[in-house]
Amino acid sequence: MKSVSGIIVVIVVVVGGLALVPLFISPEVSVSRSVEIDRPVELVFNVVKNYDYNDMWNPFLQKEPGAQTDVDGEPGEIGSRWMWSGDTIGQGSLTLVALEKNRRIVAKTEFIKPMVFEADDIWTFEPLGENKTRVTWTFKAVIDSYFLRLGNLSMDSNLGPQFKKGLQSLKKFIEKTPNAEEALKQVEHVGGEMP
């Protein structure tokens, strides 16, 4: 009987200890990846800020090519929004909130499904000479839910490879485009509401 009660005590201590772990995990999450693109900073900046291009390089759509996407608002302007909805990638939107020409783009990401939370989507651009740009894509969020904090520990290892894949797709797309004017002609803005 003593061995059974000893096992129960050990289980209670282990479970109790694990329940305390999230208290020691920071609610702040940041994931960044960079790539160098052999094109001028103006072109790279213009393509990233225009959500009409997202479907052409976004890594999450590669997981679910049949997902629905739409763009609302004036392309490349503050307030423009890219929306997605799918069985695998969930549902949410990305709204452009700040632009610093050829240097920085900030958007607010709102996740609706499978869980509700917000994050910052930040892009920085560094010219490396006349025809090369270093692009950094950063995800920042405060995920303060007690139960979701455990996921913060694996956020970099889960999200980082997706960002790397997306940046490689973006690089490939942009390097096929000789200049911004031609790039802007390649995609027709459709706008409107999600179905």
N, C-alpha and C. Protein backbone atom coordinates (compact mmCIF):
# COMPACT_ATOMS: atom_id res chain seq x y z
N MET A 1 0.82 -1.20 0.00
CA MET A 1 0.00 0.00 0.00
C MET A 1 0.86 1.26 0.00
N LYS A 2 2.02 1.17 0.72
CA LYS A 2 2.91 2.32 0.76
C LYS A 2 3.46 2.64 -0.62
N SER A 3 3.74 1.62 -1.43
CA SER A 3 4.29 1.88 -2.77
C SER A 3 3.26 2.57 -3.66
N VAL A 4 1.98 2.25 -3.54
CA VAL A 4 0.93 2.90 -4.33
C VAL A 4 0.81 4.36 -3.93
N SER A 5 0.80 4.63 -2.64
CA SER A 5 0.69 6.03 -2.19
C SER A 5 1.96 6.80 -2.57
N GLY A 6 3.12 6.13 -2.58
CA GLY A 6 4.36 6.79 -3.00
C GLY A 6 4.32 7.16 -4.46
N ILE A 7 3.78 6.27 -5.28
CA ILE A 7 3.64 6.54 -6.72
C ILE A 7 2.70 7.71 -6.94
N ILE A 8 1.61 7.75 -6.18
CA ILE A 8 0.64 8.84 -6.31
C ILE A 8 1.29 10.18 -5.94
N VAL A 9 2.09 10.18 -4.87
CA VAL A 9 2.78 11.41 -4.45
C VAL A 9 3.74 11.87 -5.54
N VAL A 10 4.50 10.94 -6.13
CA VAL A 10 5.44 11.29 -7.21
C VAL A 10 4.68 11.88 -8.40
N ILE A 11 3.58 11.27 -8.78
CA ILE A 11 2.78 11.76 -9.91
C ILE A 11 2.26 13.17 -9.62
N VAL A 12 1.76 13.38 -8.40
CA VAL A 12 1.25 14.70 -8.03
C VAL A 12 2.35 15.75 -8.09
N VAL A 13 3.54 15.40 -7.59
CA VAL A 13 4.66 16.34 -7.60
C VAL A 13 5.09 16.66 -9.03
N VAL A 14 5.20 15.62 -9.88
CA VAL A 14 5.60 15.84 -11.28
C VAL A 14 4.58 16.69 -12.02
N VAL A 15 3.30 16.35 -11.90
CA VAL A 15 2.25 17.10 -12.59
C VAL A 15 2.21 18.53 -12.07
N GLY A 16 2.32 18.69 -10.77
CA GLY A 16 2.33 20.04 -10.18
C GLY A 16 3.52 20.85 -10.68
N GLY A 17 4.67 20.21 -10.77
CA GLY A 17 5.87 20.89 -11.28
C GLY A 17 5.70 21.32 -12.72
N LEU A 18 5.16 20.42 -13.54
CA LEU A 18 4.93 20.76 -14.94
C LEU A 18 3.91 21.89 -15.09
N ALA A 19 2.93 21.91 -14.20
CA ALA A 19 1.91 22.96 -14.26
C ALA A 19 2.51 24.33 -13.97
N LEU A 20 3.63 24.36 -13.26
CA LEU A 20 4.27 25.64 -12.94
C LEU A 20 5.20 26.14 -14.04
N VAL A 21 5.62 25.25 -14.95
CA VAL A 21 6.58 25.61 -15.99
C VAL A 21 6.16 26.84 -16.79
N PRO A 22 4.89 26.95 -17.24
CA PRO A 22 4.52 28.13 -18.04
C PRO A 22 4.74 29.46 -17.32
N LEU A 23 4.75 29.45 -16.00
CA LEU A 23 4.98 30.69 -15.26
C LEU A 23 6.37 31.26 -15.52
N PHE A 24 7.30 30.41 -15.92
CA PHE A 24 8.69 30.82 -16.13
C PHE A 24 9.03 31.02 -17.62
N ILE A 25 8.04 30.92 -18.49
CA ILE A 25 8.24 31.11 -19.93
C ILE A 25 7.77 32.51 -20.29
N SER A 26 8.62 33.26 -20.98
CA SER A 26 8.26 34.63 -21.37
C SER A 26 7.07 34.61 -22.32
N PRO A 27 6.13 35.53 -22.11
CA PRO A 27 5.00 35.63 -23.04
C PRO A 27 5.40 36.29 -24.37
N GLU A 28 6.57 36.93 -24.39
CA GLU A 28 7.01 37.62 -25.60
C GLU A 28 7.73 36.65 -26.53
N VAL A 29 7.32 36.67 -27.79
CA VAL A 29 7.88 35.78 -28.80
C VAL A 29 8.40 36.62 -29.97
N SER A 30 9.57 36.27 -30.48
CA SER A 30 10.12 36.95 -31.65
C SER A 30 10.85 35.92 -32.52
N VAL A 31 10.51 35.91 -33.80
CA VAL A 31 11.15 35.00 -34.76
C VAL A 31 11.58 35.84 -35.96
N SER A 32 12.84 35.71 -36.38
CA SER A 32 13.34 36.47 -37.54
C SER A 32 14.16 35.58 -38.45
N ARG A 33 14.09 35.87 -39.75
CA ARG A 33 14.94 35.24 -40.74
C ARG A 33 15.26 36.29 -41.80
N SER A 34 16.42 36.14 -42.45
CA SER A 34 16.87 37.11 -43.45
C SER A 34 17.29 36.41 -44.74
N VAL A 35 17.30 37.19 -45.81
CA VAL A 35 17.80 36.70 -47.10
C VAL A 35 18.36 37.90 -47.87
N GLU A 36 19.31 37.64 -48.74
CA GLU A 36 19.82 38.68 -49.63
C GLU A 36 19.23 38.46 -51.02
N ILE A 37 18.67 39.55 -51.58
CA ILE A 37 18.02 39.49 -52.88
C ILE A 37 18.80 40.36 -53.85
N ASP A 38 19.12 39.82 -55.01
CA ASP A 38 19.91 40.54 -56.01
C ASP A 38 19.03 41.48 -56.83
N ARG A 39 18.47 42.45 -56.15
CA ARG A 39 17.67 43.50 -56.78
C ARG A 39 17.74 44.75 -55.89
N PRO A 40 17.50 45.93 -56.47
CA PRO A 40 17.54 47.18 -55.70
C PRO A 40 16.48 47.21 -54.60
N VAL A 41 16.78 47.95 -53.53
CA VAL A 41 15.89 48.00 -52.38
C VAL A 41 14.50 48.53 -52.76
N GLU A 42 14.43 49.46 -53.72
CA GLU A 42 13.12 50.03 -54.11
C GLU A 42 12.19 48.95 -54.63
N LEU A 43 12.73 48.07 -55.46
CA LEU A 43 11.92 46.99 -56.03
C LEU A 43 11.47 46.02 -54.95
N VAL A 44 12.39 45.62 -54.10
CA VAL A 44 12.06 44.64 -53.04
C VAL A 44 11.00 45.23 -52.11
N PHE A 45 11.19 46.47 -51.69
CA PHE A 45 10.23 47.14 -50.81
C PHE A 45 8.86 47.21 -51.44
N ASN A 46 8.81 47.61 -52.73
CA ASN A 46 7.51 47.75 -53.42
C ASN A 46 6.77 46.42 -53.55
N VAL A 47 7.49 45.35 -53.78
CA VAL A 47 6.84 44.05 -53.91
C VAL A 47 6.30 43.59 -52.55
N VAL A 48 7.09 43.73 -51.49
CA VAL A 48 6.66 43.24 -50.17
C VAL A 48 5.46 44.03 -49.65
N LYS A 49 5.44 45.33 -49.88
CA LYS A 49 4.33 46.14 -49.33
C LYS A 49 3.02 45.94 -50.10
N ASN A 50 3.10 45.39 -51.31
CA ASN A 50 1.90 45.20 -52.12
C ASN A 50 1.37 43.78 -51.91
N TYR A 51 0.27 43.66 -51.18
CA TYR A 51 -0.26 42.34 -50.82
C TYR A 51 -0.82 41.56 -52.00
N ASP A 52 -0.95 42.20 -53.16
CA ASP A 52 -1.35 41.46 -54.35
C ASP A 52 -0.33 40.37 -54.69
N TYR A 53 0.91 40.55 -54.25
CA TYR A 53 1.96 39.58 -54.55
C TYR A 53 2.03 38.43 -53.55
N ASN A 54 1.38 38.54 -52.41
CA ASN A 54 1.53 37.53 -51.35
C ASN A 54 1.27 36.10 -51.82
N ASP A 55 0.27 35.93 -52.65
CA ASP A 55 -0.07 34.58 -53.10
C ASP A 55 1.06 33.95 -53.92
N MET A 56 1.97 34.77 -54.44
CA MET A 56 3.01 34.25 -55.32
C MET A 56 4.22 33.71 -54.55
N TRP A 57 4.36 34.08 -53.27
CA TRP A 57 5.55 33.63 -52.53
C TRP A 57 5.25 33.17 -51.10
N ASN A 58 4.09 33.46 -50.57
CA ASN A 58 3.81 33.18 -49.16
C ASN A 58 3.95 31.69 -48.84
N PRO A 59 4.77 31.33 -47.85
CA PRO A 59 5.05 29.93 -47.58
C PRO A 59 3.86 29.15 -47.01
N PHE A 60 2.96 29.85 -46.34
CA PHE A 60 1.84 29.16 -45.71
C PHE A 60 0.83 28.69 -46.75
N LEU A 61 0.74 29.40 -47.86
CA LEU A 61 -0.17 28.98 -48.93
C LEU A 61 0.34 27.72 -49.63
N GLN A 62 1.64 27.47 -49.54
CA GLN A 62 2.19 26.25 -50.13
C GLN A 62 1.70 25.02 -49.38
N LYS A 63 1.30 25.21 -48.12
CA LYS A 63 0.73 24.11 -47.34
C LYS A 63 -0.69 23.79 -47.79
N GLU A 64 -1.37 24.81 -48.30
CA GLU A 64 -2.76 24.65 -48.72
C GLU A 64 -3.04 25.53 -49.94
N PRO A 65 -2.63 25.07 -51.12
CA PRO A 65 -2.80 25.88 -52.33
C PRO A 65 -4.26 26.26 -52.61
N GLY A 66 -5.20 25.50 -52.12
CA GLY A 66 -6.61 25.79 -52.37
C GLY A 66 -7.23 26.77 -51.39
N ALA A 67 -6.44 27.31 -50.47
CA ALA A 67 -6.98 28.27 -49.50
C ALA A 67 -7.46 29.53 -50.21
N GLN A 68 -8.46 30.17 -49.65
CA GLN A 68 -9.00 31.40 -50.23
C GLN A 68 -8.20 32.59 -49.70
N THR A 69 -7.86 33.51 -50.59
CA THR A 69 -7.20 34.75 -50.19
C THR A 69 -7.84 35.91 -50.90
N ASP A 70 -7.72 37.08 -50.32
CA ASP A 70 -8.24 38.28 -50.95
C ASP A 70 -7.48 39.49 -50.43
N VAL A 71 -7.50 40.57 -51.20
CA VAL A 71 -6.85 41.82 -50.82
C VAL A 71 -7.91 42.91 -50.79
N ASP A 72 -7.86 43.73 -49.76
CA ASP A 72 -8.81 44.82 -49.61
C ASP A 72 -8.02 46.11 -49.43
N GLY A 73 -8.49 47.19 -50.00
CA GLY A 73 -7.81 48.48 -49.85
C GLY A 73 -6.87 48.76 -51.00
N GLU A 74 -6.24 49.93 -50.95
CA GLU A 74 -5.32 50.36 -52.00
C GLU A 74 -4.00 49.61 -51.86
N PRO A 75 -3.58 48.89 -52.92
CA PRO A 75 -2.36 48.08 -52.83
C PRO A 75 -1.14 48.90 -52.39
N GLY A 76 -0.42 48.39 -51.41
CA GLY A 76 0.81 49.02 -50.96
C GLY A 76 0.63 50.25 -50.10
N GLU A 77 -0.61 50.55 -49.71
CA GLU A 77 -0.87 51.73 -48.88
C GLU A 77 -1.31 51.30 -47.48
N ILE A 78 -1.05 52.18 -46.51
CA ILE A 78 -1.46 51.89 -45.13
C ILE A 78 -2.97 51.64 -45.11
N GLY A 79 -3.36 50.58 -44.42
CA GLY A 79 -4.76 50.18 -44.35
C GLY A 79 -5.10 49.04 -45.29
N SER A 80 -4.25 48.77 -46.28
CA SER A 80 -4.54 47.64 -47.17
C SER A 80 -4.43 46.35 -46.36
N ARG A 81 -5.22 45.35 -46.77
CA ARG A 81 -5.33 44.14 -45.96
C ARG A 81 -5.33 42.90 -46.85
N TRP A 82 -4.57 41.90 -46.41
CA TRP A 82 -4.55 40.59 -47.07
C TRP A 82 -5.24 39.61 -46.13
N MET A 83 -6.23 38.87 -46.64
CA MET A 83 -7.01 37.95 -45.82
C MET A 83 -6.85 36.53 -46.34
N TRP A 84 -6.85 35.57 -45.44
CA TRP A 84 -6.76 34.17 -45.85
C TRP A 84 -7.75 33.33 -45.06
N SER A 85 -8.15 32.22 -45.67
CA SER A 85 -9.06 31.29 -45.02
C SER A 85 -8.86 29.90 -45.62
N GLY A 86 -8.59 28.92 -44.77
CA GLY A 86 -8.38 27.56 -45.25
C GLY A 86 -8.54 26.55 -44.14
N ASP A 87 -8.65 25.30 -44.50
CA ASP A 87 -8.80 24.24 -43.51
C ASP A 87 -7.50 23.99 -42.75
N THR A 88 -6.37 24.07 -43.46
CA THR A 88 -5.07 23.79 -42.85
C THR A 88 -4.45 25.04 -42.24
N ILE A 89 -4.49 26.16 -42.96
CA ILE A 89 -3.81 27.37 -42.50
C ILE A 89 -4.69 28.26 -41.63
N GLY A 90 -5.94 27.88 -41.42
CA GLY A 90 -6.81 28.66 -40.56
C GLY A 90 -7.32 29.91 -41.23
N GLN A 91 -7.65 30.90 -40.42
CA GLN A 91 -8.23 32.12 -40.94
C GLN A 91 -7.62 33.32 -40.23
N GLY A 92 -7.41 34.40 -41.00
CA GLY A 92 -6.88 35.60 -40.40
C GLY A 92 -6.68 36.69 -41.43
N SER A 93 -6.00 37.76 -40.99
CA SER A 93 -5.73 38.88 -41.89
C SER A 93 -4.44 39.57 -41.50
N LEU A 94 -3.89 40.30 -42.47
CA LEU A 94 -2.65 41.04 -42.32
C LEU A 94 -2.94 42.45 -42.81
N THR A 95 -2.84 43.44 -41.91
CA THR A 95 -3.17 44.82 -42.26
C THR A 95 -1.94 45.70 -42.16
N LEU A 96 -1.65 46.43 -43.23
CA LEU A 96 -0.49 47.32 -43.28
C LEU A 96 -0.74 48.52 -42.36
N VAL A 97 0.15 48.73 -41.37
CA VAL A 97 -0.06 49.83 -40.42
C VAL A 97 1.02 50.90 -40.45
N ALA A 98 2.22 50.60 -40.99
CA ALA A 98 3.27 51.61 -41.05
C ALA A 98 4.25 51.31 -42.17
N LEU A 99 4.70 52.39 -42.83
CA LEU A 99 5.68 52.28 -43.91
C LEU A 99 6.78 53.31 -43.70
N GLU A 100 8.00 52.87 -43.82
CA GLU A 100 9.15 53.77 -43.86
C GLU A 100 9.86 53.44 -45.17
N LYS A 101 9.69 54.30 -46.15
CA LYS A 101 10.08 54.00 -47.53
C LYS A 101 11.47 53.36 -47.64
N ASN A 102 11.46 52.19 -48.28
CA ASN A 102 12.68 51.42 -48.56
C ASN A 102 13.46 50.99 -47.31
N ARG A 103 12.81 51.10 -46.12
CA ARG A 103 13.50 50.71 -44.89
C ARG A 103 12.71 49.74 -44.02
N ARG A 104 11.37 49.99 -43.90
CA ARG A 104 10.63 49.19 -42.92
C ARG A 104 9.14 49.14 -43.28
N ILE A 105 8.55 47.97 -43.04
CA ILE A 105 7.11 47.76 -43.20
C ILE A 105 6.61 47.08 -41.93
N VAL A 106 5.51 47.59 -41.38
CA VAL A 106 4.91 46.96 -40.21
C VAL A 106 3.45 46.66 -40.51
N ALA A 107 3.03 45.45 -40.20
CA ALA A 107 1.63 45.06 -40.38
C ALA A 107 1.14 44.38 -39.11
N LYS A 108 -0.15 44.46 -38.90
CA LYS A 108 -0.78 43.79 -37.77
C LYS A 108 -1.43 42.50 -38.29
N THR A 109 -1.02 41.38 -37.70
CA THR A 109 -1.60 40.09 -38.07
C THR A 109 -2.66 39.73 -37.05
N GLU A 110 -3.84 39.39 -37.54
CA GLU A 110 -4.93 38.95 -36.66
C GLU A 110 -5.28 37.52 -37.03
N PHE A 111 -5.04 36.61 -36.11
CA PHE A 111 -5.40 35.21 -36.30
C PHE A 111 -6.78 34.99 -35.71
N ILE A 112 -7.66 34.36 -36.48
CA ILE A 112 -9.03 34.11 -36.04
C ILE A 112 -9.24 32.63 -35.75
N LYS A 113 -8.74 31.78 -36.63
CA LYS A 113 -8.82 30.33 -36.46
C LYS A 113 -7.46 29.73 -36.77
N PRO A 114 -7.03 28.70 -36.10
CA PRO A 114 -7.71 27.92 -35.07
C PRO A 114 -7.71 28.57 -33.69
N MET A 115 -6.87 29.62 -33.46
CA MET A 115 -6.95 30.32 -32.19
C MET A 115 -6.88 31.81 -32.46
N VAL A 116 -7.35 32.60 -31.48
CA VAL A 116 -7.42 34.04 -31.64
C VAL A 116 -6.23 34.69 -30.93
N PHE A 117 -5.41 35.41 -31.69
CA PHE A 117 -4.39 36.28 -31.11
C PHE A 117 -3.85 37.20 -32.19
N GLU A 118 -3.09 38.21 -31.77
CA GLU A 118 -2.52 39.18 -32.69
C GLU A 118 -1.01 39.13 -32.63
N ALA A 119 -0.38 39.58 -33.72
CA ALA A 119 1.08 39.63 -33.78
C ALA A 119 1.49 40.76 -34.72
N ASP A 120 2.74 41.19 -34.59
CA ASP A 120 3.30 42.17 -35.50
C ASP A 120 4.10 41.44 -36.57
N ASP A 121 3.93 41.85 -37.82
CA ASP A 121 4.65 41.32 -38.96
C ASP A 121 5.55 42.46 -39.43
N ILE A 122 6.86 42.33 -39.22
CA ILE A 122 7.79 43.43 -39.46
C ILE A 122 8.82 43.04 -40.52
N TRP A 123 9.00 43.91 -41.49
CA TRP A 123 9.99 43.71 -42.55
C TRP A 123 10.97 44.86 -42.51
N THR A 124 12.27 44.55 -42.58
CA THR A 124 13.28 45.59 -42.69
C THR A 124 14.12 45.33 -43.95
N PHE A 125 14.60 46.42 -44.53
CA PHE A 125 15.31 46.37 -45.80
C PHE A 125 16.63 47.13 -45.68
N GLU A 126 17.71 46.49 -46.06
CA GLU A 126 19.03 47.11 -46.00
C GLU A 126 19.70 47.00 -47.37
N PRO A 127 19.92 48.16 -48.03
CA PRO A 127 20.59 48.09 -49.33
C PRO A 127 22.05 47.67 -49.16
N LEU A 128 22.48 46.74 -50.00
CA LEU A 128 23.86 46.30 -50.01
C LEU A 128 24.44 46.65 -51.38
N GLY A 129 24.68 47.92 -51.59
CA GLY A 129 25.08 48.38 -52.92
C GLY A 129 23.85 48.74 -53.73
N GLU A 130 24.04 48.95 -55.03
CA GLU A 130 22.94 49.42 -55.88
C GLU A 130 21.97 48.31 -56.27
N ASN A 131 22.42 47.07 -56.27
CA ASN A 131 21.58 46.02 -56.84
C ASN A 131 21.44 44.81 -55.91
N LYS A 132 21.55 45.03 -54.61
CA LYS A 132 21.38 43.92 -53.67
C LYS A 132 20.73 44.46 -52.40
N THR A 133 19.83 43.67 -51.80
CA THR A 133 19.10 44.08 -50.61
C THR A 133 19.04 42.93 -49.61
N ARG A 134 19.34 43.24 -48.36
CA ARG A 134 19.11 42.26 -47.30
C ARG A 134 17.73 42.53 -46.71
N VAL A 135 16.90 41.49 -46.73
CA VAL A 135 15.52 41.58 -46.23
C VAL A 135 15.42 40.73 -44.97
N THR A 136 14.82 41.29 -43.93
CA THR A 136 14.58 40.54 -42.69
C THR A 136 13.10 40.54 -42.40
N TRP A 137 12.56 39.34 -42.17
CA TRP A 137 11.13 39.14 -41.85
C TRP A 137 11.05 38.74 -40.39
N THR A 138 10.27 39.49 -39.60
CA THR A 138 10.17 39.25 -38.16
C THR A 138 8.72 39.12 -37.72
N PHE A 139 8.49 38.15 -36.86
CA PHE A 139 7.19 37.93 -36.22
C PHE A 139 7.38 38.27 -34.75
N LYS A 140 6.53 39.15 -34.21
CA LYS A 140 6.58 39.49 -32.78
C LYS A 140 5.18 39.39 -32.20
N ALA A 141 5.08 38.75 -31.05
CA ALA A 141 3.78 38.62 -30.41
C ALA A 141 3.94 38.50 -28.90
N VAL A 142 2.88 38.79 -28.20
CA VAL A 142 2.79 38.52 -26.77
C VAL A 142 1.69 37.49 -26.61
N ILE A 143 2.10 36.26 -26.32
CA ILE A 143 1.15 35.16 -26.14
C ILE A 143 1.16 34.82 -24.67
N ASP A 144 0.23 35.45 -23.94
CA ASP A 144 0.28 35.42 -22.48
C ASP A 144 -0.64 34.38 -21.86
N SER A 145 -1.39 33.66 -22.70
CA SER A 145 -2.26 32.61 -22.16
C SER A 145 -1.41 31.57 -21.44
N TYR A 146 -1.83 31.21 -20.25
CA TYR A 146 -1.07 30.26 -19.43
C TYR A 146 -0.80 28.97 -20.19
N PHE A 147 -1.80 28.45 -20.86
CA PHE A 147 -1.65 27.16 -21.54
C PHE A 147 -0.91 27.27 -22.87
N LEU A 148 -0.96 28.44 -23.52
CA LEU A 148 -0.30 28.59 -24.80
C LEU A 148 1.19 28.94 -24.67
N ARG A 149 1.62 29.35 -23.47
CA ARG A 149 3.03 29.75 -23.29
C ARG A 149 4.00 28.62 -23.60
N LEU A 150 3.61 27.39 -23.37
CA LEU A 150 4.51 26.27 -23.69
C LEU A 150 4.88 26.27 -25.16
N GLY A 151 3.95 26.68 -26.01
CA GLY A 151 4.21 26.76 -27.45
C GLY A 151 5.24 27.82 -27.81
N ASN A 152 5.43 28.81 -26.91
CA ASN A 152 6.42 29.84 -27.17
C ASN A 152 7.83 29.27 -27.27
N LEU A 153 8.07 28.17 -26.56
CA LEU A 153 9.39 27.55 -26.56
C LEU A 153 9.76 26.99 -27.93
N SER A 154 8.77 26.56 -28.69
CA SER A 154 9.06 25.95 -30.00
C SER A 154 8.69 26.86 -31.17
N MET A 155 8.34 28.12 -30.88
CA MET A 155 7.90 29.03 -31.94
C MET A 155 9.00 29.23 -32.99
N ASP A 156 10.24 29.44 -32.55
CA ASP A 156 11.32 29.68 -33.51
C ASP A 156 11.55 28.45 -34.40
N SER A 157 11.56 27.27 -33.80
CA SER A 157 11.83 26.07 -34.59
C SER A 157 10.66 25.71 -35.50
N ASN A 158 9.44 26.14 -35.15
CA ASN A 158 8.28 25.86 -36.01
C ASN A 158 8.09 26.93 -37.10
N LEU A 159 8.21 28.19 -36.70
CA LEU A 159 7.94 29.29 -37.62
C LEU A 159 9.16 29.67 -38.46
N GLY A 160 10.35 29.54 -37.88
CA GLY A 160 11.57 29.93 -38.58
C GLY A 160 11.76 29.28 -39.94
N PRO A 161 11.61 27.95 -40.05
CA PRO A 161 11.76 27.31 -41.36
C PRO A 161 10.73 27.80 -42.39
N GLN A 162 9.51 28.14 -41.93
CA GLN A 162 8.50 28.67 -42.84
C GLN A 162 8.92 30.04 -43.37
N PHE A 163 9.48 30.87 -42.48
CA PHE A 163 9.95 32.19 -42.90
C PHE A 163 11.09 32.03 -43.91
N LYS A 164 12.00 31.12 -43.63
CA LYS A 164 13.13 30.89 -44.53
C LYS A 164 12.64 30.46 -45.92
N LYS A 165 11.67 29.55 -45.93
CA LYS A 165 11.09 29.07 -47.18
C LYS A 165 10.41 30.21 -47.93
N GLY A 166 9.66 31.04 -47.19
CA GLY A 166 8.99 32.18 -47.81
C GLY A 166 9.96 33.19 -48.38
N LEU A 167 11.04 33.46 -47.66
CA LEU A 167 12.03 34.41 -48.14
C LEU A 167 12.73 33.89 -49.40
N GLN A 168 12.96 32.59 -49.46
CA GLN A 168 13.56 32.01 -50.67
C GLN A 168 12.60 32.13 -51.86
N SER A 169 11.31 31.92 -51.61
CA SER A 169 10.31 32.08 -52.68
C SER A 169 10.22 33.53 -53.12
N LEU A 170 10.27 34.45 -52.15
CA LEU A 170 10.23 35.88 -52.47
C LEU A 170 11.45 36.26 -53.31
N LYS A 171 12.62 35.77 -52.92
CA LYS A 171 13.86 36.03 -53.66
C LYS A 171 13.74 35.54 -55.11
N LYS A 172 13.26 34.33 -55.26
CA LYS A 172 13.12 33.75 -56.60
C LYS A 172 12.16 34.57 -57.45
N PHE A 173 11.03 34.97 -56.87
CA PHE A 173 10.04 35.76 -57.60
C PHE A 173 10.61 37.12 -58.00
N ILE A 174 11.24 37.82 -57.05
CA ILE A 174 11.73 39.17 -57.33
C ILE A 174 12.89 39.15 -58.32
N GLU A 175 13.77 38.17 -58.20
CA GLU A 175 14.93 38.15 -59.08
C GLU A 175 14.57 37.85 -60.53
N LYS A 176 13.34 37.36 -60.75
CA LYS A 176 12.86 37.17 -62.13
C LYS A 176 12.34 38.48 -62.72
N THR A 177 12.19 39.50 -61.87
CA THR A 177 11.57 40.75 -62.27
C THR A 177 12.62 41.85 -62.37
N PRO A 178 12.88 42.37 -63.56
CA PRO A 178 13.97 43.33 -63.72
C PRO A 178 13.75 44.68 -63.04
N ASN A 179 12.50 45.14 -62.93
CA ASN A 179 12.28 46.44 -62.30
C ASN A 179 10.89 46.53 -61.70
N ALA A 180 10.69 47.53 -60.86
CA ALA A 180 9.42 47.67 -60.13
C ALA A 180 8.25 47.87 -61.07
N GLU A 181 8.44 48.66 -62.14
CA GLU A 181 7.33 48.94 -63.05
C GLU A 181 6.80 47.64 -63.68
N GLU A 182 7.72 46.78 -64.10
CA GLU A 182 7.30 45.51 -64.68
C GLU A 182 6.63 44.63 -63.64
N ALA A 183 7.16 44.64 -62.42
CA ALA A 183 6.58 43.84 -61.35
C ALA A 183 5.15 44.25 -61.07
N LEU A 184 4.90 45.55 -61.07
CA LEU A 184 3.56 46.05 -60.77
C LEU A 184 2.56 45.69 -61.86
N LYS A 185 3.03 45.39 -63.07
CA LYS A 185 2.14 45.00 -64.16
C LYS A 185 1.81 43.50 -64.13
N GLN A 186 2.57 42.73 -63.36
CA GLN A 186 2.40 41.28 -63.39
C GLN A 186 1.18 40.79 -62.63
N VAL A 187 0.68 41.60 -61.70
CA VAL A 187 -0.43 41.16 -60.86
C VAL A 187 -1.54 42.18 -60.93
N GLU A 188 -2.75 41.71 -61.14
CA GLU A 188 -3.90 42.59 -61.18
C GLU A 188 -4.54 42.60 -59.79
N HIS A 189 -4.77 43.80 -59.26
CA HIS A 189 -5.40 43.93 -57.94
C HIS A 189 -6.90 43.64 -58.08
N VAL A 190 -7.38 42.72 -57.24
CA VAL A 190 -8.80 42.38 -57.32
C VAL A 190 -9.61 42.98 -56.20
N GLY A 191 -9.05 43.03 -54.99
CA GLY A 191 -9.73 43.67 -53.87
C GLY A 191 -11.05 42.99 -53.52
N GLY A 192 -11.81 43.64 -52.65
CA GLY A 192 -13.13 43.12 -52.29
C GLY A 192 -13.12 42.32 -51.00
N GLU A 193 -14.25 41.78 -50.67
CA GLU A 193 -14.43 41.05 -49.42
C GLU A 193 -14.16 39.55 -49.62
N MET A 194 -13.81 38.90 -48.52
CA MET A 194 -13.66 37.45 -48.57
C MET A 194 -15.02 36.83 -48.81
N PRO A 195 -15.10 35.75 -49.62
CA PRO A 195 -16.39 35.10 -49.85
C PRO A 195 -16.92 34.50 -48.57
